[in-house]
Amino acid sequence: MKKLFAILCMALSLVACDKNDNPQNKPVVQIGVMLPLSGDFAAYGDATKKAIELVKEDTKDTKNYYKFILEDSGTDTAKASTIIRKLVFTDKIDAVTGYISTTSMVVAPIAQENKIPSIWYVTAPEASTGEYNFRLLANFTGGAKMIVDKIKAEKKNKVAVVYQNVPAMNYLVQDQLPVYKQNLKVVLNESFLPDEKNFFALLQKIKKANPDYIILEGMPPSADIFVKQLRENNINIPVTGYQTIGMMNNHNSLDGMWDVDTPVASSEFTARFKKLGGTDNLYYSDYVYTMLMALVNGFENANTDNMDEFINAATNIKSPIGELKVNANKDVVITNNIYQHIVNGKKEKLEK
């Protein structure tokens, strides 16, 4: 899997070698990073580039030299299929990562067939099918229980669960809905179109159901539009969810809103990210950094001929989002969740 520098420099690749980048002629490991980087997700792409720069800083003394091929695969499966084949058969990547469920489902069988380690921050279980595919996985049911606890602590009980009809949100709600149904009264369980921009009909259903809370799971721009139209229609029902705040672009309109998320990135990581010109919204840069460093640690300390050894080595890192563990399904699990809320347009940890 690992290729010598001299061999790589002979290859016709979009990431041609530069001797100044690898002065010690270390063995080169190439990692593909497949993300939606343009349009509504341009800020995510910019944050990802900063995460890669931080990984480069932290791998200067490794035994291998790491090159990263960043691809705008979007959320379209046909485009993702074309890109992963290019990465595997033309660029000859050694590993691949990303955080879009539909992309991961296309990549997984190709990564497995070609024995390429693949790790994704997604909800789709298909992303971890086979020996070479893994997920960086949050504790979704634990997060749902925390949402329940806080709603009940406020002496409220009725919830409307509304979510974007895309694989990531469908799988998330599938995991969490039983927890809500067991502990709260779900008065509405409704999905909306992936690119929905007019929520009038859904808002009327919400008004009729009259929930105490709206549990929203969705991505920009639709999630932002939903909250905007909710407020424009004077529906003052509080909104929460799992990672809902992190999914939304316009934090200035969310003051007082709370949700449950994985741990806030360490102050050290956040400071380094901002030094590179990053904003208060990390846009998954901490997750991308974690997955890339997990792959690096796997290549540094294990062999891809033994993927049990590889994944155990991959989790033995200092992650900006807390301790990682391997579960029975060989997923890399972020162990903790936190409450957070928005104050003056910024995310802050919310103590119980």
Protein backbone atom coordinates (compact mmCIF):
# COMPACT_ATOMS: atom_id res chain seq x y z
CA MET A 1 0.00 0.00 0.00
CA LYS A 2 2.77 2.41 0.82
CA LYS A 3 4.69 3.70 -2.16
CA LEU A 4 8.24 4.94 -2.36
CA PHE A 5 8.78 8.58 -3.22
CA ALA A 6 10.71 7.81 -6.41
CA ILE A 7 7.92 5.63 -7.75
CA LEU A 8 5.23 8.19 -6.95
CA CYS A 9 7.09 10.97 -8.73
CA MET A 10 6.96 8.93 -11.95
CA ALA A 11 3.18 8.71 -11.81
CA LEU A 12 0.94 11.07 -13.75
CA SER A 13 -1.09 12.44 -10.85
CA LEU A 14 -2.88 15.64 -9.94
CA VAL A 15 -0.66 15.77 -6.86
CA ALA A 16 2.75 15.53 -8.52
CA CYS A 17 5.62 15.26 -6.06
CA ASP A 18 7.71 18.21 -5.09
CA LYS A 19 11.13 17.38 -3.66
CA ASN A 20 10.95 20.51 -1.52
CA ASP A 21 7.84 19.10 0.15
CA ASN A 22 9.52 15.81 0.96
CA PRO A 23 13.23 16.62 1.36
CA GLN A 24 13.97 13.39 3.23
CA ASN A 25 12.46 11.24 0.48
CA LYS A 26 10.19 9.42 2.90
CA PRO A 27 7.72 6.77 1.69
CA VAL A 28 4.59 8.59 0.52
CA VAL A 29 1.07 7.85 1.70
CA GLN A 30 -1.73 9.52 -0.27
CA ILE A 31 -5.11 10.15 1.34
CA GLY A 32 -8.20 11.16 -0.61
CA VAL A 33 -10.59 13.59 1.11
CA MET A 34 -14.06 13.57 -0.49
CA LEU A 35 -16.38 16.40 0.56
CA PRO A 36 -19.03 18.82 -0.71
CA LEU A 37 -16.87 21.92 -1.00
CA SER A 38 -18.76 24.37 -3.20
CA GLY A 39 -22.07 26.24 -3.19
CA ASP A 40 -23.86 26.07 0.16
CA PHE A 41 -20.96 24.04 1.58
CA ALA A 42 -18.08 26.32 0.55
CA ALA A 43 -17.38 27.22 4.19
CA TYR A 44 -16.98 23.51 4.98
CA GLY A 45 -14.37 23.18 2.24
CA ASP A 46 -12.41 26.15 3.53
CA ALA A 47 -12.44 24.68 7.05
CA THR A 48 -11.33 21.30 5.71
CA LYS A 49 -8.32 22.88 4.03
CA LYS A 50 -7.33 24.39 7.38
CA ALA A 51 -7.70 20.99 9.07
CA ILE A 52 -5.38 19.48 6.46
CA GLU A 53 -2.82 22.24 7.11
CA LEU A 54 -2.90 21.36 10.82
CA VAL A 55 -2.36 17.68 10.01
CA LYS A 56 0.60 18.62 7.84
CA GLU A 57 2.08 20.56 10.75
CA ASP A 58 1.61 17.57 13.05
CA THR A 59 3.13 14.99 10.71
CA LYS A 60 6.49 16.60 10.02
CA ASP A 61 8.35 14.01 12.09
CA THR A 62 6.49 10.91 10.95
CA LYS A 63 8.23 8.04 9.16
CA ASN A 64 5.93 8.48 6.13
CA TYR A 65 5.22 11.60 4.09
CA TYR A 66 1.49 12.34 3.77
CA LYS A 67 -0.16 13.94 0.75
CA PHE A 68 -3.85 14.85 0.69
CA ILE A 69 -6.01 14.96 -2.45
CA LEU A 70 -9.07 17.11 -1.76
CA GLU A 71 -12.05 16.39 -4.05
CA ASP A 72 -15.37 18.23 -4.34
CA SER A 73 -17.57 15.14 -4.58
CA GLY A 74 -20.73 16.94 -3.52
CA THR A 75 -23.67 14.79 -2.41
CA ASP A 76 -24.36 13.31 -5.85
CA THR A 77 -23.69 9.56 -5.96
CA ALA A 78 -22.79 9.49 -9.66
CA LYS A 79 -20.19 12.22 -9.13
CA ALA A 80 -18.86 10.43 -6.05
CA SER A 81 -18.54 7.19 -8.02
CA THR A 82 -16.48 8.90 -10.71
CA ILE A 83 -14.23 10.61 -8.17
CA ILE A 84 -13.50 7.54 -6.04
CA ARG A 85 -12.52 5.59 -9.16
CA LYS A 86 -10.19 8.39 -10.18
CA LEU A 87 -8.67 8.47 -6.69
CA VAL A 88 -8.18 4.70 -6.58
CA PHE A 89 -7.11 3.90 -10.13
CA THR A 90 -5.41 7.12 -11.29
CA ASP A 91 -4.12 8.78 -8.13
CA LYS A 92 -3.42 5.41 -6.44
CA ILE A 93 -4.56 6.60 -3.00
CA ASP A 94 -3.73 4.62 0.12
CA ALA A 95 -6.79 5.73 2.15
CA VAL A 96 -9.92 7.87 1.86
CA THR A 97 -12.16 9.86 4.19
CA GLY A 98 -15.14 12.24 4.25
CA TYR A 99 -18.42 13.01 6.03
CA ILE A 100 -21.31 12.59 3.56
CA SER A 101 -23.40 9.44 3.97
CA THR A 102 -24.35 9.06 0.29
CA THR A 103 -20.70 9.38 -0.72
CA SER A 104 -19.55 6.85 1.86
CA MET A 105 -22.09 4.30 0.61
CA VAL A 106 -20.63 4.56 -2.91
CA VAL A 107 -17.03 4.44 -1.72
CA ALA A 108 -17.27 1.53 0.74
CA PRO A 109 -17.47 -1.37 -1.75
CA ILE A 110 -14.69 0.08 -3.91
CA ALA A 111 -12.46 0.67 -0.89
CA GLN A 112 -13.12 -2.87 0.34
CA GLU A 113 -12.41 -4.46 -3.05
CA ASN A 114 -9.12 -2.58 -3.39
CA LYS A 115 -8.09 -2.96 0.27
CA ILE A 116 -7.99 0.77 0.94
CA PRO A 117 -8.70 1.94 4.52
CA SER A 118 -11.77 4.18 4.53
CA ILE A 119 -13.12 6.17 7.49
CA TRP A 120 -16.21 8.42 7.48
CA TYR A 121 -18.01 10.65 9.95
CA VAL A 122 -21.48 9.50 8.90
CA THR A 123 -24.60 7.78 10.23
CA ALA A 124 -24.96 5.31 7.32
CA PRO A 125 -24.07 1.78 8.52
CA GLU A 126 -23.12 0.85 4.93
CA ALA A 127 -20.03 3.04 5.40
CA SER A 128 -18.51 0.44 7.72
CA THR A 129 -19.33 -2.67 5.69
CA GLY A 130 -16.26 -4.84 5.14
CA GLU A 131 -12.87 -5.16 6.74
CA TYR A 132 -11.43 -1.90 5.36
CA ASN A 133 -14.34 0.47 6.08
CA PHE A 134 -14.93 2.30 9.36
CA ARG A 135 -17.06 5.08 10.76
CA LEU A 136 -16.16 7.83 13.19
CA LEU A 137 -19.38 7.53 15.13
CA ALA A 138 -21.05 9.76 17.70
CA ASN A 139 -23.09 8.35 20.58
CA PHE A 140 -26.48 9.06 18.98
CA THR A 141 -28.74 7.23 21.42
CA GLY A 142 -26.86 8.76 24.34
CA GLY A 143 -27.43 12.17 22.77
CA ALA A 144 -31.16 11.45 22.41
CA LYS A 145 -31.36 10.53 26.10
CA MET A 146 -29.72 13.86 27.00
CA ILE A 147 -32.26 15.74 24.88
CA VAL A 148 -35.05 13.87 26.67
CA ASP A 149 -33.59 14.67 30.09
CA LYS A 150 -33.42 18.40 29.43
CA ILE A 151 -36.90 18.62 27.92
CA LYS A 152 -38.37 16.72 30.88
CA ALA A 153 -36.41 18.87 33.32
CA GLU A 154 -38.26 21.86 31.85
CA LYS A 155 -41.56 20.06 32.67
CA LYS A 156 -42.30 19.58 28.98
CA ASN A 157 -43.25 16.41 27.17
CA LYS A 158 -44.68 16.85 23.65
CA VAL A 159 -42.21 16.93 20.73
CA ALA A 160 -42.38 17.23 16.96
CA VAL A 161 -39.56 15.41 15.19
CA VAL A 162 -38.85 17.00 11.79
CA TYR A 163 -35.95 16.00 9.60
CA GLN A 164 -34.48 16.32 6.14
CA ASN A 165 -35.11 13.30 3.92
CA VAL A 166 -31.47 12.43 3.24
CA PRO A 167 -29.64 9.28 4.36
CA ALA A 168 -27.65 10.97 7.13
CA MET A 169 -30.75 12.36 8.85
CA ASN A 170 -32.87 9.29 8.16
CA TYR A 171 -30.35 7.04 9.91
CA LEU A 172 -29.93 9.50 12.78
CA VAL A 173 -33.68 9.71 13.42
CA GLN A 174 -33.99 5.93 13.02
CA ASP A 175 -31.52 5.52 15.91
CA GLN A 176 -33.00 8.23 18.12
CA LEU A 177 -36.76 8.02 17.55
CA PRO A 178 -37.28 4.95 19.80
CA VAL A 179 -35.70 6.90 22.67
CA TYR A 180 -38.06 9.83 22.10
CA LYS A 181 -41.12 7.59 21.81
CA GLN A 182 -40.25 5.73 24.99
CA ASN A 183 -39.75 8.86 27.09
CA LEU A 184 -41.77 11.67 25.46
CA LYS A 185 -45.00 12.12 23.52
CA VAL A 186 -44.11 12.40 19.80
CA VAL A 187 -47.03 14.41 18.38
CA LEU A 188 -45.50 14.75 14.90
CA ASN A 189 -42.88 12.74 13.01
CA GLU A 190 -42.38 14.35 9.60
CA SER A 191 -39.61 14.57 6.98
CA PHE A 192 -39.06 17.32 4.42
CA LEU A 193 -37.47 17.34 0.97
CA PRO A 194 -33.65 17.51 0.73
CA ASP A 195 -33.77 20.93 -0.98
CA GLU A 196 -36.96 22.26 0.66
CA LYS A 197 -37.28 26.05 0.70
CA ASN A 198 -40.97 26.56 1.46
CA PHE A 199 -42.02 25.12 4.82
CA PHE A 200 -45.54 26.56 4.95
CA ALA A 201 -47.31 23.17 4.91
CA LEU A 202 -44.97 21.68 7.53
CA LEU A 203 -45.36 24.73 9.76
CA GLN A 204 -49.14 24.35 9.67
CA LYS A 205 -48.79 20.72 10.78
CA ILE A 206 -46.52 21.82 13.61
CA LYS A 207 -48.98 24.49 14.75
CA LYS A 208 -51.80 21.95 14.74
CA ALA A 209 -49.74 19.39 16.71
CA ASN A 210 -48.76 22.11 19.22
CA PRO A 211 -45.55 20.50 20.55
CA ASP A 212 -43.55 21.83 23.49
CA TYR A 213 -40.35 21.35 21.49
CA ILE A 214 -39.31 20.83 17.87
CA ILE A 215 -36.50 18.32 17.41
CA LEU A 216 -34.93 19.37 14.10
CA GLU A 217 -32.39 17.35 12.13
CA GLY A 218 -31.20 18.90 8.87
CA MET A 219 -28.41 20.57 6.92
CA PRO A 220 -27.95 24.02 5.38
CA PRO A 221 -29.52 25.79 3.70
CA SER A 222 -32.80 24.01 4.43
CA ALA A 223 -32.36 23.87 8.22
CA ASP A 224 -31.58 27.60 8.35
CA ILE A 225 -34.58 28.38 6.14
CA PHE A 226 -36.85 26.27 8.36
CA VAL A 227 -35.91 28.20 11.51
CA LYS A 228 -36.18 31.53 9.69
CA GLN A 229 -39.69 30.75 8.42
CA LEU A 230 -40.68 29.36 11.82
CA ARG A 231 -39.87 32.71 13.44
CA GLU A 232 -41.35 34.77 10.58
CA ASN A 233 -44.64 32.97 11.19
CA ASN A 234 -44.48 33.82 14.91
CA ILE A 235 -44.22 30.17 15.93
CA ASN A 236 -42.21 30.53 19.10
CA ILE A 237 -41.75 26.85 19.89
CA PRO A 238 -38.18 26.11 21.04
CA VAL A 239 -35.99 24.10 18.65
CA THR A 240 -33.33 21.57 19.56
CA GLY A 241 -31.75 18.42 18.11
CA TYR A 242 -28.55 16.45 17.83
CA GLN A 243 -25.77 18.60 16.33
CA THR A 244 -28.47 20.90 14.95
CA ILE A 245 -26.59 24.08 15.86
CA GLY A 246 -23.41 22.79 14.27
CA MET A 247 -25.30 22.00 11.07
CA MET A 248 -26.62 25.54 10.67
CA ASN A 249 -24.87 28.52 9.13
CA ASN A 250 -26.62 31.53 10.68
CA HIS A 251 -25.88 31.36 14.40
CA ASN A 252 -26.88 34.99 14.88
CA SER A 253 -30.55 33.99 14.59
CA LEU A 254 -30.25 31.18 17.14
CA ASP A 255 -29.66 33.00 20.43
CA GLY A 256 -30.97 30.94 23.34
CA MET A 257 -31.18 27.76 21.29
CA TRP A 258 -29.55 24.63 22.72
CA ASP A 259 -28.74 21.18 21.38
CA VAL A 260 -26.64 18.12 22.17
CA ASP A 261 -23.36 17.54 20.36
CA THR A 262 -20.07 15.75 20.63
CA PRO A 263 -17.51 17.54 22.83
CA VAL A 264 -16.41 21.03 21.86
CA ALA A 265 -13.02 20.96 20.15
CA SER A 266 -10.11 21.60 22.48
CA SER A 267 -9.07 25.21 23.02
CA GLU A 268 -5.66 24.36 21.55
CA PHE A 269 -7.17 23.08 18.30
CA THR A 270 -9.60 26.01 18.08
CA ALA A 271 -6.79 28.53 18.57
CA ARG A 272 -4.68 26.90 15.86
CA PHE A 273 -7.68 26.79 13.52
CA LYS A 274 -8.38 30.49 14.05
CA LYS A 275 -4.72 31.35 13.57
CA LEU A 276 -5.10 30.02 10.02
CA GLY A 277 -8.04 32.39 9.51
CA GLY A 278 -10.81 30.10 10.73
CA THR A 279 -14.08 31.31 12.25
CA ASP A 280 -15.95 30.41 15.44
CA ASN A 281 -17.80 27.75 13.43
CA LEU A 282 -15.34 24.89 12.88
CA TYR A 283 -17.48 23.34 10.11
CA TYR A 284 -16.35 19.77 10.91
CA SER A 285 -12.66 20.67 10.71
CA ASP A 286 -12.13 18.97 14.09
CA TYR A 287 -13.73 15.76 12.77
CA VAL A 288 -11.70 15.85 9.54
CA TYR A 289 -8.53 16.42 11.56
CA THR A 290 -9.42 13.50 13.84
CA MET A 291 -10.06 11.10 10.94
CA LEU A 292 -6.90 12.11 9.11
CA MET A 293 -4.75 11.75 12.23
CA ALA A 294 -6.40 8.37 12.90
CA LEU A 295 -5.36 7.21 9.43
CA VAL A 296 -1.86 8.62 9.93
CA ASN A 297 -1.49 6.76 13.21
CA GLY A 298 -2.68 3.58 11.54
CA PHE A 299 -0.08 3.84 8.78
CA GLU A 300 2.65 4.81 11.25
CA ASN A 301 2.08 1.99 13.72
CA ALA A 302 0.37 -0.87 11.90
CA ASN A 303 0.11 -2.73 8.62
CA THR A 304 -2.91 -2.67 6.34
CA ASP A 305 -2.63 -6.44 6.03
CA ASN A 306 -4.00 -6.56 9.58
CA MET A 307 -6.94 -4.17 9.81
CA ASP A 308 -7.75 -5.03 13.43
CA GLU A 309 -4.27 -3.84 14.31
CA PHE A 310 -4.66 -0.83 12.02
CA ILE A 311 -7.93 0.41 13.53
CA ASN A 312 -6.69 -0.08 17.09
CA ALA A 313 -3.62 2.00 16.25
CA ALA A 314 -5.82 4.59 14.56
CA THR A 315 -7.77 5.30 17.74
CA ASN A 316 -4.66 5.79 19.85
CA ILE A 317 -4.45 9.52 19.16
CA LYS A 318 -5.00 12.75 21.04
CA SER A 319 -8.23 13.90 19.43
CA PRO A 320 -9.52 17.48 19.75
CA ILE A 321 -13.00 16.03 20.31
CA GLY A 322 -12.13 13.68 23.16
CA GLU A 323 -11.45 10.02 23.76
CA LEU A 324 -12.03 7.51 20.97
CA LYS A 325 -12.88 3.83 21.38
CA VAL A 326 -13.45 0.91 19.03
CA ASN A 327 -16.86 -0.74 19.50
CA ALA A 328 -17.94 -4.30 18.74
CA ASN A 329 -18.76 -3.32 15.13
CA LYS A 330 -15.23 -1.94 14.63
CA ASP A 331 -16.50 1.64 14.52
CA VAL A 332 -14.45 4.43 16.08
CA VAL A 333 -16.75 5.95 18.69
CA ILE A 334 -16.60 9.44 20.19
CA THR A 335 -17.41 8.53 23.77
CA ASN A 336 -19.08 11.69 25.16
CA ASN A 337 -21.83 14.19 24.38
CA ILE A 338 -22.37 17.70 25.74
CA TYR A 339 -25.12 20.30 25.94
CA GLN A 340 -24.36 23.52 24.10
CA HIS A 341 -26.26 26.72 23.38
CA ILE A 342 -25.91 29.93 21.41
CA VAL A 343 -25.07 33.18 23.20
CA ASN A 344 -24.57 36.33 21.11
CA GLY A 345 -24.18 34.25 17.98
CA LYS A 346 -21.53 31.92 19.44
CA LYS A 347 -21.63 28.31 20.64
CA GLU A 348 -20.95 27.81 24.34
CA LYS A 349 -20.95 24.70 26.48
CA LEU A 350 -24.11 24.52 28.56
CA GLU A 351 -23.74 23.02 32.00
CA LYS A 352 -26.56 20.74 33.17
